[in-house]
Amino acid sequence: MRQRQQLRQHLARLDAPGIERLLNRHVRVEGREHLDLARDSKRPVVLFSPHYGNFAIVALKLIQEIGRSKTVHSFHNPLPASHPMGGIENLFGRLGYGYAPISNDDDSAALKAMRALRRGEVLTIMPDALGTIGHTCYVPFFGHLVPAMAGTALFALRSKALVIGVYGCPEEGLRTTIRVSAPLDVELSGDQEYDMRSMASAIFRDMERQIRRSPEHWYLLPEIGRALASTLRLAPPADLGWLGQLRQAAPEFQQAVPELERTLAELAQRQMAGGGGLF
């Protein structure tokens, strides 16, 4: 995190030619063919990334590589000037081409994003805000079902966009490797809710694959235990038994079923008394 902050401070002192030189000398792309596809395809493109590595470098490189062919839009919540990422839009616009922000601060933001995609442009978004509220769906992530914001999947489905993961991995000094995944291949059914979950699941699988490969760059790593603690495990250890599995799942349903804990306690007493059956 300190390295990211120092690099941001360095970038803030550079003019457009200085940023171009830094990107050319110190940023390497792994999966170049997928980045070229994002630039050259006539289809719209959704580029997703978790809160990972130095996103400023990633965004600037995407603008440099794509921005002369099509506009790159960043879709994000409004950031106050005091925020560590405050003022980032000015930095992204410093190259002077190919960038337009979309601030998710009112009902028109989603419409602006859809219009950009329907023009065949590029939308960048970070979908890994765990513990979110609003329009979400539950997807597998590190062995748990976690709530995922539905926006990324909906944007992609409604615009028929290519969906590609991008990950910036800091190295020594100013060097960064940007890993670009192959476009997601998701079989669609035509049912929007089902397809939204399928797309969101594929997005989170791609992010999990990269985080497992290099977890140290993920901002949310210190919070992952707390974030997953109240979610439903996909595969509880077999030695817990059926009652243990129910108890492990209980936080997921406690508010909807207030009597659940009392019921589980009664079941536990029956099991201890030798009445292990449900009836």
Protein backbone atom coordinates (compact mmCIF):
# COMPACT_ATOMS: atom_id res chain seq x y z
CA MET A 1 0.00 0.00 0.00
CA ARG A 2 2.90 2.34 0.74
CA GLN A 3 4.46 1.53 -2.61
CA ARG A 4 1.15 2.35 -4.30
CA GLN A 5 0.98 5.70 -2.49
CA GLN A 6 4.55 6.60 -3.44
CA LEU A 7 3.95 5.75 -7.08
CA ARG A 8 0.79 7.86 -7.09
CA GLN A 9 2.79 10.80 -5.73
CA HIS A 10 5.40 10.28 -8.43
CA LEU A 11 2.75 10.16 -11.16
CA ALA A 12 1.18 13.37 -9.86
CA ARG A 13 4.44 15.22 -10.61
CA LEU A 14 4.64 14.03 -14.23
CA ASP A 15 3.29 15.78 -17.30
CA ALA A 16 1.79 13.82 -20.22
CA PRO A 17 5.14 13.03 -21.95
CA GLY A 18 6.58 11.92 -18.58
CA ILE A 19 3.65 9.54 -18.00
CA GLU A 20 4.05 8.13 -21.52
CA ARG A 21 7.77 7.47 -20.91
CA LEU A 22 7.07 5.76 -17.58
CA LEU A 23 4.42 3.52 -19.13
CA ASN A 24 6.66 2.58 -22.06
CA ARG A 25 9.72 1.83 -19.93
CA HIS A 26 8.32 0.23 -16.80
CA VAL A 27 4.95 -1.42 -17.57
CA ARG A 28 4.82 -4.87 -19.15
CA VAL A 29 1.62 -6.49 -20.46
CA GLU A 30 1.06 -10.22 -20.03
CA GLY A 31 -1.78 -11.36 -22.29
CA ARG A 32 -1.12 -8.73 -24.93
CA GLU A 33 -3.41 -10.45 -27.45
CA HIS A 34 -6.41 -9.96 -25.13
CA LEU A 35 -5.62 -6.26 -24.67
CA ASP A 36 -5.29 -5.88 -28.45
CA LEU A 37 -8.68 -7.55 -28.81
CA ALA A 38 -10.23 -5.05 -26.38
CA ARG A 39 -8.81 -2.23 -28.50
CA ASP A 40 -9.66 -3.59 -31.94
CA SER A 41 -13.00 -5.33 -31.40
CA LYS A 42 -16.12 -3.66 -32.75
CA ARG A 43 -17.98 -4.95 -29.70
CA PRO A 44 -18.16 -2.95 -26.47
CA VAL A 45 -15.79 -4.06 -23.72
CA VAL A 46 -16.14 -4.33 -19.94
CA LEU A 47 -12.75 -4.47 -18.20
CA PHE A 48 -13.06 -5.58 -14.58
CA SER A 49 -10.50 -5.67 -11.79
CA PRO A 50 -10.61 -6.14 -8.03
CA HIS A 51 -9.17 -3.48 -5.74
CA TYR A 52 -5.75 -4.79 -6.56
CA GLY A 53 -2.23 -3.49 -7.19
CA ASN A 54 -1.77 0.05 -8.44
CA PHE A 55 -4.96 0.83 -10.32
CA ALA A 56 -3.61 4.23 -11.42
CA ILE A 57 -0.92 2.53 -13.49
CA VAL A 58 -3.42 0.01 -14.87
CA ALA A 59 -5.87 2.71 -15.93
CA LEU A 60 -3.18 4.89 -17.53
CA LYS A 61 -1.83 1.91 -19.48
CA LEU A 62 -5.33 1.00 -20.66
CA ILE A 63 -5.90 4.57 -21.81
CA GLN A 64 -2.53 4.60 -23.58
CA GLU A 65 -3.19 1.29 -25.34
CA ILE A 66 -6.89 1.75 -26.15
CA GLY A 67 -7.68 5.46 -25.87
CA ARG A 68 -6.69 6.46 -29.40
CA SER A 69 -9.14 3.90 -30.82
CA LYS A 70 -12.05 4.16 -28.37
CA THR A 71 -12.86 5.98 -25.14
CA VAL A 72 -12.13 4.30 -21.80
CA HIS A 73 -14.73 5.13 -19.12
CA SER A 74 -14.10 4.54 -15.41
CA PHE A 75 -17.29 3.70 -13.49
CA HIS A 76 -16.93 4.39 -9.76
CA ASN A 77 -18.54 5.97 -6.73
CA PRO A 78 -17.84 9.68 -6.13
CA LEU A 79 -14.53 10.25 -4.34
CA PRO A 80 -13.97 13.26 -2.05
CA ALA A 81 -10.70 15.15 -2.44
CA SER A 82 -9.58 13.81 0.96
CA HIS A 83 -9.88 10.20 -0.24
CA PRO A 84 -6.58 8.44 -1.10
CA MET A 85 -7.87 8.14 -4.68
CA GLY A 86 -9.31 11.66 -4.75
CA GLY A 87 -8.24 13.62 -7.83
CA ILE A 88 -7.59 10.42 -9.78
CA GLU A 89 -9.78 11.60 -12.66
CA ASN A 90 -7.44 14.52 -13.29
CA LEU A 91 -4.50 12.12 -13.46
CA PHE A 92 -6.28 9.80 -15.89
CA GLY A 93 -7.19 12.75 -18.10
CA ARG A 94 -3.64 14.09 -18.16
CA LEU A 95 -2.67 12.03 -21.22
CA GLY A 96 -5.14 14.20 -23.13
CA TYR A 97 -7.01 11.48 -25.01
CA GLY A 98 -9.32 8.53 -24.68
CA TYR A 99 -10.70 8.94 -21.15
CA ALA A 100 -14.05 9.93 -19.64
CA PRO A 101 -15.17 9.25 -16.04
CA ILE A 102 -18.68 8.15 -15.06
CA SER A 103 -19.42 8.99 -11.43
CA ASN A 104 -22.02 6.68 -9.87
CA ASP A 105 -23.72 9.47 -7.94
CA ASP A 106 -27.23 9.51 -9.40
CA ASP A 107 -29.72 7.47 -11.40
CA SER A 108 -28.25 8.66 -14.71
CA ALA A 109 -24.87 6.96 -14.13
CA ALA A 110 -26.03 3.52 -15.28
CA LEU A 111 -27.66 5.08 -18.36
CA LYS A 112 -24.39 6.88 -19.22
CA ALA A 113 -22.49 3.62 -18.87
CA MET A 114 -24.93 1.77 -21.13
CA ARG A 115 -24.78 4.51 -23.76
CA ALA A 116 -20.98 4.33 -23.76
CA LEU A 117 -21.07 0.57 -24.23
CA ARG A 118 -23.64 0.77 -27.00
CA ARG A 119 -21.25 3.13 -28.81
CA GLY A 120 -18.72 0.28 -28.70
CA GLU A 121 -16.54 1.91 -26.03
CA VAL A 122 -14.83 0.53 -22.92
CA LEU A 123 -16.07 0.50 -19.32
CA THR A 124 -13.74 -0.23 -16.40
CA ILE A 125 -15.23 -1.34 -13.08
CA MET A 126 -14.24 -2.95 -9.75
CA PRO A 127 -16.87 -5.50 -8.64
CA ASP A 128 -15.23 -6.89 -5.47
CA ALA A 129 -16.95 -4.69 -2.85
CA LEU A 130 -17.85 -7.49 -0.41
CA GLY A 131 -20.74 -7.02 2.01
CA THR A 132 -22.63 -4.70 -0.33
CA ILE A 133 -26.33 -3.93 -0.30
CA GLY A 134 -28.76 -3.19 -3.08
CA HIS A 135 -29.00 -5.19 -6.32
CA THR A 136 -26.73 -8.14 -5.61
CA CYS A 137 -26.52 -11.83 -6.34
CA TYR A 138 -24.67 -14.54 -4.43
CA VAL A 139 -21.69 -16.10 -6.16
CA PRO A 140 -18.96 -18.58 -5.13
CA PHE A 141 -15.77 -16.90 -3.85
CA PHE A 142 -13.04 -18.60 -1.80
CA GLY A 143 -15.35 -21.43 -0.78
CA HIS A 144 -18.21 -19.18 0.33
CA LEU A 145 -21.28 -17.62 -1.25
CA VAL A 146 -20.71 -13.86 -1.21
CA PRO A 147 -22.93 -10.96 -2.34
CA ALA A 148 -21.70 -9.49 -5.62
CA MET A 149 -22.87 -6.22 -7.08
CA ALA A 150 -24.93 -7.07 -10.15
CA GLY A 151 -23.96 -4.00 -12.16
CA THR A 152 -20.90 -5.42 -13.91
CA ALA A 153 -22.76 -8.50 -15.14
CA LEU A 154 -25.84 -6.50 -16.17
CA PHE A 155 -23.80 -3.95 -18.14
CA ALA A 156 -22.04 -6.78 -19.94
CA LEU A 157 -25.19 -8.77 -20.72
CA ARG A 158 -27.32 -5.87 -21.89
CA SER A 159 -24.60 -4.50 -24.17
CA LYS A 160 -23.32 -7.92 -25.38
CA ALA A 161 -19.84 -6.78 -24.37
CA LEU A 162 -16.57 -8.65 -24.22
CA VAL A 163 -15.75 -9.14 -20.53
CA ILE A 164 -12.04 -9.19 -19.65
CA GLY A 165 -10.17 -9.22 -16.34
CA VAL A 166 -7.19 -6.89 -15.85
CA TYR A 167 -4.73 -7.10 -12.93
CA GLY A 168 -1.83 -4.76 -12.16
CA CYS A 169 0.97 -6.50 -10.24
CA PRO A 170 3.61 -4.15 -8.78
CA GLU A 171 7.23 -5.24 -8.89
CA GLU A 172 10.54 -3.63 -7.86
CA GLY A 173 10.80 0.13 -8.23
CA LEU A 174 8.53 1.52 -10.92
CA ARG A 175 7.98 -1.80 -12.70
CA THR A 176 4.49 -3.24 -13.06
CA THR A 177 3.18 -6.29 -14.90
CA ILE A 178 -0.40 -6.01 -16.13
CA ARG A 179 -2.03 -9.42 -16.54
CA VAL A 180 -4.94 -9.47 -18.98
CA SER A 181 -7.25 -12.51 -18.91
CA ALA A 182 -8.88 -14.10 -21.92
CA PRO A 183 -12.46 -12.88 -22.50
CA LEU A 184 -14.91 -14.76 -20.31
CA ASP A 185 -16.77 -17.54 -22.08
CA VAL A 186 -20.19 -17.79 -20.43
CA GLU A 187 -22.98 -19.93 -21.85
CA LEU A 188 -26.15 -17.85 -21.78
CA SER A 189 -29.69 -19.19 -21.37
CA GLY A 190 -31.74 -16.13 -22.28
CA ASP A 191 -33.04 -15.84 -18.70
CA GLN A 192 -31.64 -12.53 -17.45
CA GLU A 193 -31.49 -13.39 -13.75
CA TYR A 194 -29.86 -16.77 -14.40
CA ASP A 195 -27.41 -15.28 -16.92
CA MET A 196 -26.56 -12.45 -14.53
CA ARG A 197 -25.57 -14.97 -11.86
CA SER A 198 -23.60 -17.00 -14.40
CA MET A 199 -21.68 -13.93 -15.56
CA ALA A 200 -21.06 -12.66 -12.03
CA SER A 201 -19.82 -16.12 -11.00
CA ALA A 202 -17.40 -16.19 -13.94
CA ILE A 203 -16.10 -12.73 -13.03
CA PHE A 204 -15.46 -13.74 -9.42
CA ARG A 205 -13.80 -17.00 -10.52
CA ASP A 206 -11.39 -15.01 -12.65
CA MET A 207 -10.61 -12.63 -9.79
CA GLU A 208 -10.15 -15.50 -7.33
CA ARG A 209 -7.71 -17.20 -9.72
CA GLN A 210 -5.48 -14.11 -9.82
CA ILE A 211 -5.78 -13.39 -6.09
CA ARG A 212 -4.74 -16.95 -5.30
CA ARG A 213 -1.77 -16.53 -7.64
CA SER A 214 -0.60 -13.24 -6.06
CA PRO A 215 -2.69 -12.40 -2.98
CA GLU A 216 -0.32 -9.73 -1.62
CA HIS A 217 -1.61 -7.06 -4.05
CA TRP A 218 -5.28 -7.27 -2.99
CA TYR A 219 -6.39 -4.33 -0.84
CA LEU A 220 -9.17 -6.36 0.82
CA LEU A 221 -6.92 -9.21 1.94
CA PRO A 222 -6.79 -8.04 5.61
CA GLU A 223 -10.60 -7.93 5.66
CA ILE A 224 -11.31 -11.23 3.94
CA GLY A 225 -11.81 -13.21 7.17
CA ARG A 226 -14.35 -10.73 8.53
CA ALA A 227 -16.05 -10.38 5.15
CA LEU A 228 -16.53 -14.14 4.78
CA ALA A 229 -17.38 -14.88 8.42
CA SER A 230 -21.12 -14.30 8.02
CA THR A 231 -21.50 -15.89 4.59
CA LEU A 232 -22.55 -19.42 3.76
CA ARG A 233 -19.76 -21.95 3.19
CA LEU A 234 -20.10 -23.87 -0.03
CA ALA A 235 -18.62 -27.08 1.30
CA PRO A 236 -18.58 -27.35 5.12
CA PRO A 237 -16.08 -29.91 6.45
CA ALA A 238 -17.67 -33.35 6.46
CA ASP A 239 -16.72 -34.01 10.08
CA LEU A 240 -19.10 -31.29 11.29
CA GLY A 241 -22.09 -33.51 10.68
CA TRP A 242 -25.46 -32.21 9.58
CA LEU A 243 -26.08 -30.21 12.76
CA GLY A 244 -22.66 -28.57 12.61
CA GLN A 245 -23.28 -27.63 9.00
CA LEU A 246 -26.60 -26.05 9.96
CA ARG A 247 -24.93 -24.04 12.72
CA GLN A 248 -22.25 -22.86 10.31
CA ALA A 249 -24.95 -21.70 7.89
CA ALA A 250 -27.03 -20.05 10.64
CA PRO A 251 -25.61 -16.48 10.32
CA GLU A 252 -26.87 -16.39 6.75
CA PHE A 253 -30.48 -16.90 7.86
CA GLN A 254 -30.59 -15.58 11.44
CA GLN A 255 -32.46 -12.35 10.68
CA ALA A 256 -35.04 -14.01 8.45
CA VAL A 257 -35.65 -16.85 10.93
CA PRO A 258 -35.23 -15.44 14.48
CA GLU A 259 -36.14 -18.76 16.09
CA LEU A 260 -33.38 -20.61 14.23
CA GLU A 261 -30.85 -20.60 17.09
CA ARG A 262 -33.46 -21.94 19.57
CA THR A 263 -34.40 -24.66 17.09
CA LEU A 264 -30.77 -25.63 16.57
CA ALA A 265 -30.24 -25.78 20.35
CA GLU A 266 -33.22 -28.13 20.69
CA LEU A 267 -31.90 -30.30 17.88
CA ALA A 268 -28.50 -30.43 19.56
CA GLN A 269 -30.10 -31.60 22.84
CA ARG A 270 -32.01 -34.32 21.01
CA GLN A 271 -28.84 -35.45 19.27
CA MET A 272 -26.96 -35.65 22.59
CA ALA A 273 -29.84 -37.67 24.01
CA GLY A 274 -29.48 -40.15 21.18
CA GLY A 275 -32.35 -38.90 19.04
CA GLY A 276 -30.24 -38.00 16.04
CA GLY A 277 -33.11 -38.18 13.51
CA LEU A 278 -35.19 -35.24 12.41
CA PHE A 279 -38.51 -36.99 13.17
